[in-house]
Amino acid sequence: MPAPMITHLLGAVPAPMLLLDAEGRIAAANPLATSLLGAWILRRNYVTVLRQPALLGRIEAAFARAEASEARFTQADQHGERVFRVTIRPTRQPTMGCDGVMLHFHDITHLREAEEMRRDFVANVSHELRTPLTAILGFIETLRGPARDDPAASDRFLTLMEDEARRMNRLVSDLLSLSRVEGQERMRPPGRVDASDILAGVVASLRHMAREAGSQLVLEGAEQPHFVTGDADQLRQVFLNLAENALKYGGAGHPVTLRIAEEQETGSLKGPVLRVDVSDRGDGIEPLHLPRLTERFYRIDTHRSRAMGGTGLGLAIVKHIVNRHRGRLRISSTPGQGSTFSVFLPKD
């Protein structure tokens, strides 16, 4: 087959491909391959171009024994590291050797990233559970030993054990909730709900918590109904989580404001949207933390978060629920002045 026709065929393949001739030179490469490896690679020997021992060994086997195989190829650039699974196939299989080798590069970077996320997730969950379990085992050992006949110490340790058990229960509950909302993220909720009614319910359920914190919950703009397409329970979870966080971290004596309004969004959401702001007047958040707040188990102050009963999953759950509703979450904060968490939901 003429070289121009081979190049034309390779160009139709939506992945980088190389054709090596019998001498090991790159006889043809499609545009994706030259974009990945450089335009200079044509007519160069594959050893000079690829330079990764495991891959080179498999290519040598293909030339020597007409042996098909696969290998990994890693390419680093200004955007990070990309990983490819390279399929190696001899182009003809005569009795001895072959007259060329075809290389197909399949980008599996997303699979590696997913595997790294899974490992990190398992490690974080293990760490979060190990801490209270270690504490409970220590309390049990103390109750069986030095505190066996000390009622006051026993009562104190049992209280601490109860706190740690509740902490584990919150973590498991949040993990189950996160798993559930991730599974539903691509399913648009079919119901029609009144966001004003949901916010009024959130404020009513947090009155006691606000009094204990010496704060005040203020609801603005909910005098009239504001209907959106959504899941009432999940939206209640979103605003309850944001309001609870504002009360916990907004500082004693500072009010927390929930404000609802309709407006025209000019960003990625087109048309009329419903905007709900949850604002506090606390210490605020440093800009470097803002992009990572919705990551699983990310905490600005780990010790403070745990002491207040946080699991590090609340904002991750909020993000997935908002995504399910085709909405957007925007976080703005000024250190020393407070923070505002804004949820944008498309109107009916």
C-alpha atoms as a PDB file:
ATOM      1  CA  MET A   1       0.000   0.000   0.000  1.00  0.00           C
ATOM      2  CA  PRO A   2       1.472   3.405  -0.937  1.00  0.00           C
ATOM      3  CA  ALA A   3       2.782   5.519   1.945  1.00  0.00           C
ATOM      4  CA  PRO A   4       0.336   8.440   1.339  1.00  0.00           C
ATOM      5  CA  MET A   5      -2.614   6.052   1.572  1.00  0.00           C
ATOM      6  CA  ILE A   6      -1.263   4.530   4.792  1.00  0.00           C
ATOM      7  CA  THR A   7      -0.854   7.999   6.288  1.00  0.00           C
ATOM      8  CA  HIS A   8      -4.384   8.895   5.189  1.00  0.00           C
ATOM      9  CA  LEU A   9      -5.812   5.769   6.852  1.00  0.00           C
ATOM     10  CA  LEU A  10      -3.885   6.366  10.072  1.00  0.00           C
ATOM     11  CA  GLY A  11      -5.182   9.924  10.122  1.00  0.00           C
ATOM     12  CA  ALA A  12      -8.743   8.625  10.379  1.00  0.00           C
ATOM     13  CA  VAL A  13      -7.969   6.778  13.620  1.00  0.00           C
ATOM     14  CA  PRO A  14      -8.972   8.835  16.728  1.00  0.00           C
ATOM     15  CA  ALA A  15      -5.851   7.830  18.669  1.00  0.00           C
ATOM     16  CA  PRO A  16      -2.083   8.160  18.129  1.00  0.00           C
ATOM     17  CA  MET A  17      -0.706   5.478  15.779  1.00  0.00           C
ATOM     18  CA  LEU A  18       2.730   4.687  14.394  1.00  0.00           C
ATOM     19  CA  LEU A  19       3.840   2.322  11.639  1.00  0.00           C
ATOM     20  CA  LEU A  20       7.402   1.011  11.896  1.00  0.00           C
ATOM     21  CA  ASP A  21       9.132  -0.417   8.827  1.00  0.00           C
ATOM     22  CA  ALA A  22      11.316  -3.532   8.775  1.00  0.00           C
ATOM     23  CA  GLU A  23      14.393  -1.498   9.822  1.00  0.00           C
ATOM     24  CA  GLY A  24      12.607  -0.068  12.850  1.00  0.00           C
ATOM     25  CA  ARG A  25      12.141   3.405  11.393  1.00  0.00           C
ATOM     26  CA  ILE A  26       8.859   5.269  11.785  1.00  0.00           C
ATOM     27  CA  ALA A  27       7.388   5.008   8.298  1.00  0.00           C
ATOM     28  CA  ALA A  28       4.066   6.719   9.060  1.00  0.00           C
ATOM     29  CA  ALA A  29       2.420   8.561  11.920  1.00  0.00           C
ATOM     30  CA  ASN A  30      -0.999  10.152  12.192  1.00  0.00           C
ATOM     31  CA  PRO A  31      -1.432  13.770  13.381  1.00  0.00           C
ATOM     32  CA  LEU A  32      -2.299  12.692  16.932  1.00  0.00           C
ATOM     33  CA  ALA A  33       0.980  10.764  17.134  1.00  0.00           C
ATOM     34  CA  THR A  34       3.052  13.699  15.893  1.00  0.00           C
ATOM     35  CA  SER A  35       1.204  15.954  18.325  1.00  0.00           C
ATOM     36  CA  LEU A  36       2.119  13.576  21.140  1.00  0.00           C
ATOM     37  CA  LEU A  37       5.726  12.813  20.154  1.00  0.00           C
ATOM     38  CA  GLY A  38       6.726  15.639  17.835  1.00  0.00           C
ATOM     39  CA  ALA A  39       6.803  16.204  14.073  1.00  0.00           C
ATOM     40  CA  TRP A  40      10.488  15.253  13.940  1.00  0.00           C
ATOM     41  CA  ILE A  41       9.848  11.528  14.534  1.00  0.00           C
ATOM     42  CA  LEU A  42       9.269  10.492  10.884  1.00  0.00           C
ATOM     43  CA  ARG A  43      12.049   8.275   9.514  1.00  0.00           C
ATOM     44  CA  ARG A  44      13.663   8.127  12.958  1.00  0.00           C
ATOM     45  CA  ASN A  45      14.363   4.802  14.662  1.00  0.00           C
ATOM     46  CA  TYR A  46      11.754   3.859  17.270  1.00  0.00           C
ATOM     47  CA  VAL A  47      14.454   3.478  19.948  1.00  0.00           C
ATOM     48  CA  THR A  48      15.343   7.166  19.591  1.00  0.00           C
ATOM     49  CA  VAL A  49      11.692   8.252  19.768  1.00  0.00           C
ATOM     50  CA  LEU A  50      10.150   6.069  22.489  1.00  0.00           C
ATOM     51  CA  ARG A  51      13.046   5.482  24.926  1.00  0.00           C
ATOM     52  CA  GLN A  52      11.140   3.446  27.527  1.00  0.00           C
ATOM     53  CA  PRO A  53      12.751   0.026  28.172  1.00  0.00           C
ATOM     54  CA  ALA A  54       9.584  -2.013  28.768  1.00  0.00           C
ATOM     55  CA  LEU A  55       7.970  -0.746  25.567  1.00  0.00           C
ATOM     56  CA  LEU A  56      11.175  -1.158  23.542  1.00  0.00           C
ATOM     57  CA  GLY A  57      11.499  -4.766  24.708  1.00  0.00           C
ATOM     58  CA  ARG A  58       7.982  -5.602  23.503  1.00  0.00           C
ATOM     59  CA  ILE A  59       8.635  -3.970  20.127  1.00  0.00           C
ATOM     60  CA  GLU A  60      11.854  -5.984  19.735  1.00  0.00           C
ATOM     61  CA  ALA A  61       9.872  -9.158  20.437  1.00  0.00           C
ATOM     62  CA  ALA A  62       7.360  -8.168  17.751  1.00  0.00           C
ATOM     63  CA  PHE A  63      10.154  -7.791  15.205  1.00  0.00           C
ATOM     64  CA  ALA A  64      11.998 -10.957  16.231  1.00  0.00           C
ATOM     65  CA  ARG A  65       9.089 -13.365  16.775  1.00  0.00           C
ATOM     66  CA  ALA A  66       6.084 -11.627  15.187  1.00  0.00           C
ATOM     67  CA  GLU A  67       4.723 -11.452  18.743  1.00  0.00           C
ATOM     68  CA  ALA A  68       1.716  -9.241  19.509  1.00  0.00           C
ATOM     69  CA  SER A  69       1.661  -7.650  22.957  1.00  0.00           C
ATOM     70  CA  GLU A  70       0.872  -4.542  25.020  1.00  0.00           C
ATOM     71  CA  ALA A  71       2.968  -2.137  27.090  1.00  0.00           C
ATOM     72  CA  ARG A  72       2.715   1.171  28.946  1.00  0.00           C
ATOM     73  CA  PHE A  73       4.014   4.490  27.695  1.00  0.00           C
ATOM     74  CA  THR A  74       4.216   7.606  29.888  1.00  0.00           C
ATOM     75  CA  GLN A  75       4.504  11.118  28.523  1.00  0.00           C
ATOM     76  CA  ALA A  76       5.055  14.202  30.684  1.00  0.00           C
ATOM     77  CA  ASP A  77       4.282  17.716  29.475  1.00  0.00           C
ATOM     78  CA  GLN A  78       3.302  21.105  30.882  1.00  0.00           C
ATOM     79  CA  HIS A  79      -0.195  19.786  31.691  1.00  0.00           C
ATOM     80  CA  GLY A  80       1.055  16.852  33.759  1.00  0.00           C
ATOM     81  CA  GLU A  81       1.700  13.188  33.106  1.00  0.00           C
ATOM     82  CA  ARG A  82      -0.283  11.114  30.596  1.00  0.00           C
ATOM     83  CA  VAL A  83      -0.316   7.312  30.543  1.00  0.00           C
ATOM     84  CA  PHE A  84      -1.000   5.234  27.416  1.00  0.00           C
ATOM     85  CA  ARG A  85      -1.612   1.548  26.850  1.00  0.00           C
ATOM     86  CA  VAL A  86       0.291   0.713  23.666  1.00  0.00           C
ATOM     87  CA  THR A  87      -0.999  -2.163  21.535  1.00  0.00           C
ATOM     88  CA  ILE A  88       1.853  -3.685  19.504  1.00  0.00           C
ATOM     89  CA  ARG A  89       0.958  -5.709  16.402  1.00  0.00           C
ATOM     90  CA  PRO A  90       3.233  -7.051  13.638  1.00  0.00           C
ATOM     91  CA  THR A  91       1.881  -6.051  10.214  1.00  0.00           C
ATOM     92  CA  ARG A  92       2.703  -9.423   8.648  1.00  0.00           C
ATOM     93  CA  GLN A  93       3.617 -12.775  10.171  1.00  0.00           C
ATOM     94  CA  PRO A  94       5.953 -14.735   7.907  1.00  0.00           C
ATOM     95  CA  THR A  95       7.941 -17.747   9.109  1.00  0.00           C
ATOM     96  CA  MET A  96      10.768 -15.587  10.395  1.00  0.00           C
ATOM     97  CA  GLY A  97      10.205 -12.126  11.805  1.00  0.00           C
ATOM     98  CA  CYS A  98       7.895  -9.522  10.276  1.00  0.00           C
ATOM     99  CA  ASP A  99       8.058  -6.655   7.829  1.00  0.00           C
ATOM    100  CA  GLY A 100       6.788  -3.988  10.190  1.00  0.00           C
ATOM    101  CA  VAL A 101       5.047  -3.193  13.441  1.00  0.00           C
ATOM    102  CA  MET A 102       1.940  -1.112  14.119  1.00  0.00           C
ATOM    103  CA  LEU A 103       1.678   0.781  17.438  1.00  0.00           C
ATOM    104  CA  HIS A 104      -1.656   2.033  18.770  1.00  0.00           C
ATOM    105  CA  PHE A 105      -1.649   4.404  21.784  1.00  0.00           C
ATOM    106  CA  HIS A 106      -4.757   4.368  23.999  1.00  0.00           C
ATOM    107  CA  ASP A 107      -4.916   7.126  26.634  1.00  0.00           C
ATOM    108  CA  ILE A 108      -5.669   5.556  30.033  1.00  0.00           C
ATOM    109  CA  THR A 109      -4.738   8.557  32.160  1.00  0.00           C
ATOM    110  CA  HIS A 110      -8.305   8.825  33.459  1.00  0.00           C
ATOM    111  CA  LEU A 111      -8.194   5.192  34.606  1.00  0.00           C
ATOM    112  CA  ARG A 112      -5.004   5.794  36.537  1.00  0.00           C
ATOM    113  CA  GLU A 113      -6.447   8.943  38.089  1.00  0.00           C
ATOM    114  CA  ALA A 114      -9.590   7.026  39.091  1.00  0.00           C
ATOM    115  CA  GLU A 115      -7.440   4.337  40.688  1.00  0.00           C
ATOM    116  CA  GLU A 116      -5.451   6.961  42.595  1.00  0.00           C
ATOM    117  CA  MET A 117      -8.707   8.578  43.790  1.00  0.00           C
ATOM    118  CA  ARG A 118      -9.967   5.179  44.958  1.00  0.00           C
ATOM    119  CA  ARG A 119      -6.742   4.515  46.882  1.00  0.00           C
ATOM    120  CA  ASP A 120      -6.847   7.969  48.469  1.00  0.00           C
ATOM    121  CA  PHE A 121     -10.506   7.502  49.370  1.00  0.00           C
ATOM    122  CA  VAL A 122      -9.879   4.124  51.036  1.00  0.00           C
ATOM    123  CA  ALA A 123      -6.869   5.532  52.902  1.00  0.00           C
ATOM    124  CA  ASN A 124      -8.878   8.546  54.131  1.00  0.00           C
ATOM    125  CA  VAL A 125     -11.822   6.421  55.268  1.00  0.00           C
ATOM    126  CA  SER A 126      -9.465   4.036  57.056  1.00  0.00           C
ATOM    127  CA  HIS A 127      -7.763   6.925  58.815  1.00  0.00           C
ATOM    128  CA  GLU A 128     -11.057   8.564  59.804  1.00  0.00           C
ATOM    129  CA  LEU A 129     -12.340   5.298  61.297  1.00  0.00           C
ATOM    130  CA  ARG A 130      -9.065   4.274  62.909  1.00  0.00           C
ATOM    131  CA  THR A 131      -8.889   7.366  65.122  1.00  0.00           C
ATOM    132  CA  PRO A 132     -12.196   6.871  67.003  1.00  0.00           C
ATOM    133  CA  LEU A 133     -11.733   3.079  67.089  1.00  0.00           C
ATOM    134  CA  THR A 134      -8.306   3.489  68.692  1.00  0.00           C
ATOM    135  CA  ALA A 135      -9.785   5.889  71.240  1.00  0.00           C
ATOM    136  CA  ILE A 136     -12.657   3.486  72.089  1.00  0.00           C
ATOM    137  CA  LEU A 137     -10.270   0.532  72.505  1.00  0.00           C
ATOM    138  CA  GLY A 138      -8.137   2.640  74.834  1.00  0.00           C
ATOM    139  CA  PHE A 139     -11.168   3.602  76.921  1.00  0.00           C
ATOM    140  CA  ILE A 140     -12.257  -0.042  77.166  1.00  0.00           C
ATOM    141  CA  GLU A 141      -8.797  -1.048  78.336  1.00  0.00           C
ATOM    142  CA  THR A 142      -8.877   1.684  80.977  1.00  0.00           C
ATOM    143  CA  LEU A 143     -12.357   0.687  82.164  1.00  0.00           C
ATOM    144  CA  ARG A 144     -11.218  -2.899  82.566  1.00  0.00           C
ATOM    145  CA  GLY A 145      -8.082  -1.842  84.432  1.00  0.00           C
ATOM    146  CA  PRO A 146      -7.358   1.319  86.465  1.00  0.00           C
ATOM    147  CA  ALA A 147     -10.933   2.677  86.290  1.00  0.00           C
ATOM    148  CA  ARG A 148     -12.704  -0.593  87.071  1.00  0.00           C
ATOM    149  CA  ASP A 149     -13.864   0.566  90.536  1.00  0.00           C
ATOM    150  CA  ASP A 150     -14.042   4.303  89.858  1.00  0.00           C
ATOM    151  CA  PRO A 151     -17.659   5.304  89.015  1.00  0.00           C
ATOM    152  CA  ALA A 152     -16.768   8.905  88.142  1.00  0.00           C
ATOM    153  CA  ALA A 153     -13.998   7.839  85.757  1.00  0.00           C
ATOM    154  CA  SER A 154     -16.244   5.160  84.249  1.00  0.00           C
ATOM    155  CA  ASP A 155     -18.976   7.714  83.571  1.00  0.00           C
ATOM    156  CA  ARG A 156     -16.484  10.104  81.964  1.00  0.00           C
ATOM    157  CA  PHE A 157     -14.983   7.413  79.733  1.00  0.00           C
ATOM    158  CA  LEU A 158     -18.404   6.117  78.701  1.00  0.00           C
ATOM    159  CA  THR A 159     -19.350   9.648  77.657  1.00  0.00           C
ATOM    160  CA  LEU A 160     -16.188   9.891  75.564  1.00  0.00           C
ATOM    161  CA  MET A 161     -16.878   6.482  74.031  1.00  0.00           C
ATOM    162  CA  GLU A 162     -20.373   7.603  73.116  1.00  0.00           C
ATOM    163  CA  ASP A 163     -18.967  10.721  71.410  1.00  0.00           C
ATOM    164  CA  GLU A 164     -16.521   8.637  69.371  1.00  0.00           C
ATOM    165  CA  ALA A 165     -19.224   6.132  68.423  1.00  0.00           C
ATOM    166  CA  ARG A 166     -21.496   8.972  67.277  1.00  0.00           C
ATOM    167  CA  ARG A 167     -18.626  10.355  65.242  1.00  0.00           C
ATOM    168  CA  MET A 168     -18.199   6.996  63.468  1.00  0.00           C
ATOM    169  CA  ASN A 169     -21.942   6.833  62.897  1.00  0.00           C
ATOM    170  CA  ARG A 170     -21.910  10.314  61.283  1.00  0.00           C
ATOM    171  CA  LEU A 171     -19.025   9.255  59.044  1.00  0.00           C
ATOM    172  CA  VAL A 172     -20.773   6.079  57.894  1.00  0.00           C
ATOM    173  CA  SER A 173     -23.994   8.016  57.329  1.00  0.00           C
ATOM    174  CA  ASP A 174     -22.181  10.637  55.221  1.00  0.00           C
ATOM    175  CA  LEU A 175     -20.370   7.928  53.237  1.00  0.00           C
ATOM    176  CA  LEU A 176     -23.677   6.252  52.428  1.00  0.00           C
ATOM    177  CA  SER A 177     -25.192   9.608  51.486  1.00  0.00           C
ATOM    178  CA  LEU A 178     -22.229  10.461  49.249  1.00  0.00           C
ATOM    179  CA  SER A 179     -22.449   7.072  47.520  1.00  0.00           C
ATOM    180  CA  ARG A 180     -26.168   7.542  46.952  1.00  0.00           C
ATOM    181  CA  VAL A 181     -25.926  11.054  45.488  1.00  0.00           C
ATOM    182  CA  GLU A 182     -23.000  10.066  43.250  1.00  0.00           C
ATOM    183  CA  GLY A 183     -25.096   7.202  41.877  1.00  0.00           C
ATOM    184  CA  GLN A 184     -27.955   9.597  41.105  1.00  0.00           C
ATOM    185  CA  GLU A 185     -25.865  12.481  39.771  1.00  0.00           C
ATOM    186  CA  ARG A 186     -26.738  11.849  36.110  1.00  0.00           C
ATOM    187  CA  MET A 187     -30.450  11.411  36.841  1.00  0.00           C
ATOM    188  CA  ARG A 188     -32.329  14.712  36.660  1.00  0.00           C
ATOM    189  CA  PRO A 189     -34.886  14.923  39.510  1.00  0.00           C
ATOM    190  CA  PRO A 190     -38.447  15.027  38.121  1.00  0.00           C
ATOM    191  CA  GLY A 191     -40.271  16.827  40.955  1.00  0.00           C
ATOM    192  CA  ARG A 192     -41.282  20.476  41.328  1.00  0.00           C
ATOM    193  CA  VAL A 193     -40.489  21.961  44.726  1.00  0.00           C
ATOM    194  CA  ASP A 194     -40.801  25.288  46.512  1.00  0.00           C
ATOM    195  CA  ALA A 195     -37.331  26.400  47.577  1.00  0.00           C
ATOM    196  CA  SER A 196     -38.813  29.038  49.912  1.00  0.00           C
ATOM    197  CA  ASP A 197     -40.641  26.338  51.834  1.00  0.00           C
ATOM    198  CA  ILE A 198     -37.468  24.226  52.043  1.00  0.00           C
ATOM    199  CA  LEU A 199     -35.452  27.153  53.440  1.00  0.00           C
ATOM    200  CA  ALA A 200     -38.160  27.960  55.989  1.00  0.00           C
ATOM    201  CA  GLY A 201     -37.975  24.334  57.175  1.00  0.00           C
ATOM    202  CA  VAL A 202     -34.188  24.506  57.429  1.00  0.00           C
ATOM    203  CA  VAL A 203     -34.346  27.677  59.532  1.00  0.00           C
ATOM    204  CA  ALA A 204     -36.978  26.153  61.832  1.00  0.00           C
ATOM    205  CA  SER A 205     -34.936  22.978  62.374  1.00  0.00           C
ATOM    206  CA  LEU A 206     -31.775  24.935  63.226  1.00  0.00           C
ATOM    207  CA  ARG A 207     -33.325  27.445  65.656  1.00  0.00           C
ATOM    208  CA  HIS A 208     -32.142  25.472  68.665  1.00  0.00           C
ATOM    209  CA  MET A 209     -28.606  25.124  67.290  1.00  0.00           C
ATOM    210  CA  ALA A 210     -28.506  28.860  66.579  1.00  0.00           C
ATOM    211  CA  ARG A 211     -29.582  29.698  70.140  1.00  0.00           C
ATOM    212  CA  GLU A 212     -26.885  27.419  71.562  1.00  0.00           C
ATOM    213  CA  ALA A 213     -24.301  29.144  69.355  1.00  0.00           C
ATOM    214  CA  GLY A 214     -25.540  32.569  70.442  1.00  0.00           C
ATOM    215  CA  SER A 215     -26.324  33.361  66.812  1.00  0.00           C
ATOM    216  CA  GLN A 216     -29.374  34.315  64.818  1.00  0.00           C
ATOM    217  CA  LEU A 217     -30.730  32.796  61.604  1.00  0.00           C
ATOM    218  CA  VAL A 218     -32.123  35.364  59.189  1.00  0.00           C
ATOM    219  CA  LEU A 219     -34.220  34.327  56.165  1.00  0.00           C
ATOM    220  CA  GLU A 220     -34.692  36.883  53.387  1.00  0.00           C
ATOM    221  CA  GLY A 221     -36.712  36.747  50.173  1.00  0.00           C
ATOM    222  CA  ALA A 222     -38.829  33.710  51.088  1.00  0.00           C
ATOM    223  CA  GLU A 223     -42.104  35.620  51.458  1.00  0.00           C
ATOM    224  CA  GLN A 224     -43.304  34.210  48.121  1.00  0.00           C
ATOM    225  CA  PRO A 225     -42.891  30.756  46.545  1.00  0.00           C
ATOM    226  CA  HIS A 226     -39.864  30.037  44.358  1.00  0.00           C
ATOM    227  CA  PHE A 227     -40.372  26.856  42.356  1.00  0.00           C
ATOM    228  CA  VAL A 228     -37.596  24.785  40.806  1.00  0.00           C
ATOM    229  CA  THR A 229     -37.307  21.275  39.427  1.00  0.00           C
ATOM    230  CA  GLY A 230     -35.638  19.234  42.112  1.00  0.00           C
ATOM    231  CA  ASP A 231     -35.556  16.653  44.868  1.00  0.00           C
ATOM    232  CA  ALA A 232     -36.937  18.256  48.036  1.00  0.00           C
ATOM    233  CA  ASP A 233     -35.006  15.985  50.416  1.00  0.00           C
ATOM    234  CA  GLN A 234     -31.699  16.524  48.652  1.00  0.00           C
ATOM    235  CA  LEU A 235     -32.111  20.289  48.405  1.00  0.00           C
ATOM    236  CA  ARG A 236     -33.005  20.385  52.087  1.00  0.00           C
ATOM    237  CA  GLN A 237     -29.766  18.450  52.748  1.00  0.00           C
ATOM    238  CA  VAL A 238     -27.798  21.046  50.759  1.00  0.00           C
ATOM    239  CA  PHE A 239     -29.137  24.088  52.598  1.00  0.00           C
ATOM    240  CA  LEU A 240     -29.119  22.352  55.974  1.00  0.00           C
ATOM    241  CA  ASN A 241     -25.464  21.468  55.514  1.00  0.00           C
ATOM    242  CA  LEU A 242     -24.480  24.977  54.431  1.00  0.00           C
ATOM    243  CA  ALA A 243     -26.449  26.626  57.253  1.00  0.00           C
ATOM    244  CA  GLU A 244     -24.995  24.246  59.864  1.00  0.00           C
ATOM    245  CA  ASN A 245     -21.471  25.010  58.651  1.00  0.00           C
ATOM    246  CA  ALA A 246     -22.189  28.746  58.809  1.00  0.00           C
ATOM    247  CA  LEU A 247     -23.383  28.409  62.418  1.00  0.00           C
ATOM    248  CA  LYS A 248     -20.378  26.259  63.398  1.00  0.00           C
ATOM    249  CA  TYR A 249     -17.678  28.358  61.778  1.00  0.00           C
ATOM    250  CA  GLY A 250     -19.347  31.779  61.601  1.00  0.00           C
ATOM    251  CA  GLY A 251     -18.441  32.645  65.176  1.00  0.00           C
ATOM    252  CA  ALA A 252     -20.631  32.990  68.263  1.00  0.00           C
ATOM    253  CA  GLY A 253     -22.933  35.983  68.253  1.00  0.00           C
ATOM    254  CA  HIS A 254     -22.713  36.571  64.498  1.00  0.00           C
ATOM    255  CA  PRO A 255     -25.894  36.201  62.427  1.00  0.00           C
ATOM    256  CA  VAL A 256     -26.220  33.726  59.570  1.00  0.00           C
ATOM    257  CA  THR A 257     -28.277  34.917  56.601  1.00  0.00           C
ATOM    258  CA  LEU A 258     -30.136  32.744  54.086  1.00  0.00           C
ATOM    259  CA  ARG A 259     -31.172  34.836  51.114  1.00  0.00           C
ATOM    260  CA  ILE A 260     -33.226  33.648  48.143  1.00  0.00           C
ATOM    261  CA  ALA A 261     -33.794  35.584  44.916  1.00  0.00           C
ATOM    262  CA  GLU A 262     -34.399  35.123  41.205  1.00  0.00           C
ATOM    263  CA  GLU A 263     -31.960  36.547  38.675  1.00  0.00           C
ATOM    264  CA  GLN A 264     -30.544  36.140  35.173  1.00  0.00           C
ATOM    265  CA  GLU A 265     -27.361  34.098  35.176  1.00  0.00           C
ATOM    266  CA  THR A 266     -24.824  35.015  32.517  1.00  0.00           C
ATOM    267  CA  GLY A 267     -22.293  32.230  33.167  1.00  0.00           C
ATOM    268  CA  SER A 268     -22.620  28.558  32.245  1.00  0.00           C
ATOM    269  CA  LEU A 269     -26.274  28.642  33.309  1.00  0.00           C
ATOM    270  CA  LYS A 270     -28.424  30.447  30.783  1.00  0.00           C
ATOM    271  CA  GLY A 271     -31.800  32.005  31.451  1.00  0.00           C
ATOM    272  CA  PRO A 272     -33.547  32.645  34.773  1.00  0.00           C
ATOM    273  CA  VAL A 273     -32.008  31.014  37.849  1.00  0.00           C
ATOM    274  CA  LEU A 274     -32.813  30.811  41.520  1.00  0.00           C
ATOM    275  CA  ARG A 275     -29.978  31.977  43.723  1.00  0.00           C
ATOM    276  CA  VAL A 276     -29.690  30.981  47.379  1.00  0.00           C
ATOM    277  CA  ASP A 277     -26.917  32.593  49.455  1.00  0.00           C
ATOM    278  CA  VAL A 278     -25.855  31.282  52.852  1.00  0.00           C
ATOM    279  CA  SER A 279     -23.672  33.953  54.446  1.00  0.00           C
ATOM    280  CA  ASP A 280     -21.825  34.224  57.738  1.00  0.00           C
ATOM    281  CA  ARG A 281     -19.652  36.884  59.347  1.00  0.00           C
ATOM    282  CA  GLY A 282     -16.938  34.627  60.672  1.00  0.00           C
ATOM    283  CA  ASP A 283     -13.190  34.572  60.146  1.00  0.00           C
ATOM    284  CA  GLY A 284     -13.484  33.881  56.438  1.00  0.00           C
ATOM    285  CA  ILE A 285     -11.448  31.490  54.321  1.00  0.00           C
ATOM    286  CA  GLU A 286      -8.041  32.058  52.757  1.00  0.00           C
ATOM    287  CA  PRO A 287      -8.195  32.085  48.919  1.00  0.00           C
ATOM    288  CA  LEU A 288      -5.841  29.105  48.577  1.00  0.00           C
ATOM    289  CA  HIS A 289      -8.410  26.828  50.257  1.00  0.00           C
ATOM    290  CA  LEU A 290     -11.447  27.814  48.165  1.00  0.00           C
ATOM    291  CA  PRO A 291     -10.839  25.545  45.120  1.00  0.00           C
ATOM    292  CA  ARG A 292     -10.459  22.461  47.351  1.00  0.00           C
ATOM    293  CA  LEU A 293     -13.327  22.904  49.793  1.00  0.00           C
ATOM    294  CA  THR A 294     -15.589  20.421  47.970  1.00  0.00           C
ATOM    295  CA  GLU A 295     -12.959  17.652  47.900  1.00  0.00           C
ATOM    296  CA  ARG A 296     -13.670  14.601  50.026  1.00  0.00           C
ATOM    297  CA  PHE A 297     -12.122  14.845  53.496  1.00  0.00           C
ATOM    298  CA  TYR A 298     -10.541  18.232  52.779  1.00  0.00           C
ATOM    299  CA  ARG A 299     -10.453  20.366  55.925  1.00  0.00           C
ATOM    300  CA  ILE A 300      -8.944  23.770  56.559  1.00  0.00           C
ATOM    301  CA  ASP A 301      -8.481  23.007  60.255  1.00  0.00           C
ATOM    302  CA  THR A 302      -8.650  19.246  60.830  1.00  0.00           C
ATOM    303  CA  HIS A 303      -8.651  19.378  64.626  1.00  0.00           C
ATOM    304  CA  ARG A 304     -11.346  22.068  64.793  1.00  0.00           C
ATOM    305  CA  SER A 305     -13.511  20.295  62.232  1.00  0.00           C
ATOM    306  CA  ARG A 306     -13.409  16.995  64.103  1.00  0.00           C
ATOM    307  CA  ALA A 307     -14.045  18.698  67.426  1.00  0.00           C
ATOM    308  CA  MET A 308     -17.219  20.179  65.931  1.00  0.00           C
ATOM    309  CA  GLY A 309     -18.368  16.831  64.587  1.00  0.00           C
ATOM    310  CA  GLY A 310     -17.408  17.366  60.950  1.00  0.00           C
ATOM    311  CA  THR A 311     -16.639  14.408  58.702  1.00  0.00           C
ATOM    312  CA  GLY A 312     -15.036  16.308  55.809  1.00  0.00           C
ATOM    313  CA  LEU A 313     -17.704  15.032  53.395  1.00  0.00           C
ATOM    314  CA  GLY A 314     -20.472  17.618  53.723  1.00  0.00           C
ATOM    315  CA  LEU A 315     -19.419  19.969  50.922  1.00  0.00           C
ATOM    316  CA  ALA A 316     -18.602  17.030  48.632  1.00  0.00           C
ATOM    317  CA  ILE A 317     -22.206  15.866  49.097  1.00  0.00           C
ATOM    318  CA  VAL A 318     -23.452  19.408  48.440  1.00  0.00           C
ATOM    319  CA  LYS A 319     -21.439  19.597  45.196  1.00  0.00           C
ATOM    320  CA  HIS A 320     -22.841  16.317  43.836  1.00  0.00           C
ATOM    321  CA  ILE A 321     -26.439  17.215  44.705  1.00  0.00           C
ATOM    322  CA  VAL A 322     -26.100  20.632  43.046  1.00  0.00           C
ATOM    323  CA  ASN A 323     -24.593  18.954  39.969  1.00  0.00           C
ATOM    324  CA  ARG A 324     -27.546  16.565  39.838  1.00  0.00           C
ATOM    325  CA  HIS A 325     -29.875  19.568  39.748  1.00  0.00           C
ATOM    326  CA  ARG A 326     -27.822  21.052  36.871  1.00  0.00           C
ATOM    327  CA  GLY A 327     -26.906  23.906  39.160  1.00  0.00           C
ATOM    328  CA  ARG A 328     -23.704  25.599  40.281  1.00  0.00           C
ATOM    329  CA  LEU A 329     -22.029  26.134  43.648  1.00  0.00           C
ATOM    330  CA  ARG A 330     -20.006  29.324  44.096  1.00  0.00           C
ATOM    331  CA  ILE A 331     -17.920  30.083  47.193  1.00  0.00           C
ATOM    332  CA  SER A 332     -16.689  33.573  48.008  1.00  0.00           C
ATOM    333  CA  SER A 333     -14.908  34.664  51.149  1.00  0.00           C
ATOM    334  CA  THR A 334     -12.912  37.542  52.559  1.00  0.00           C
ATOM    335  CA  PRO A 335     -10.612  36.728  55.495  1.00  0.00           C
ATOM    336  CA  GLY A 336     -11.864  38.513  58.576  1.00  0.00           C
ATOM    337  CA  GLN A 337     -15.232  39.400  57.041  1.00  0.00           C
ATOM    338  CA  GLY A 338     -17.026  36.100  56.461  1.00  0.00           C
ATOM    339  CA  SER A 339     -18.033  33.713  53.702  1.00  0.00           C
ATOM    340  CA  THR A 340     -20.927  33.218  51.291  1.00  0.00           C
ATOM    341  CA  PHE A 341     -21.909  29.910  49.738  1.00  0.00           C
ATOM    342  CA  SER A 342     -24.148  30.514  46.726  1.00  0.00           C
ATOM    343  CA  VAL A 343     -26.268  27.839  45.059  1.00  0.00           C
ATOM    344  CA  PHE A 344     -27.618  28.587  41.559  1.00  0.00           C
ATOM    345  CA  LEU A 345     -30.504  26.422  40.324  1.00  0.00           C
ATOM    346  CA  PRO A 346     -32.145  26.723  36.883  1.00  0.00           C
ATOM    347  CA  LYS A 347     -35.732  27.909  37.059  1.00  0.00           C
ATOM    348  CA  ASP A 348     -38.618  25.882  35.635  1.00  0.00           C
END
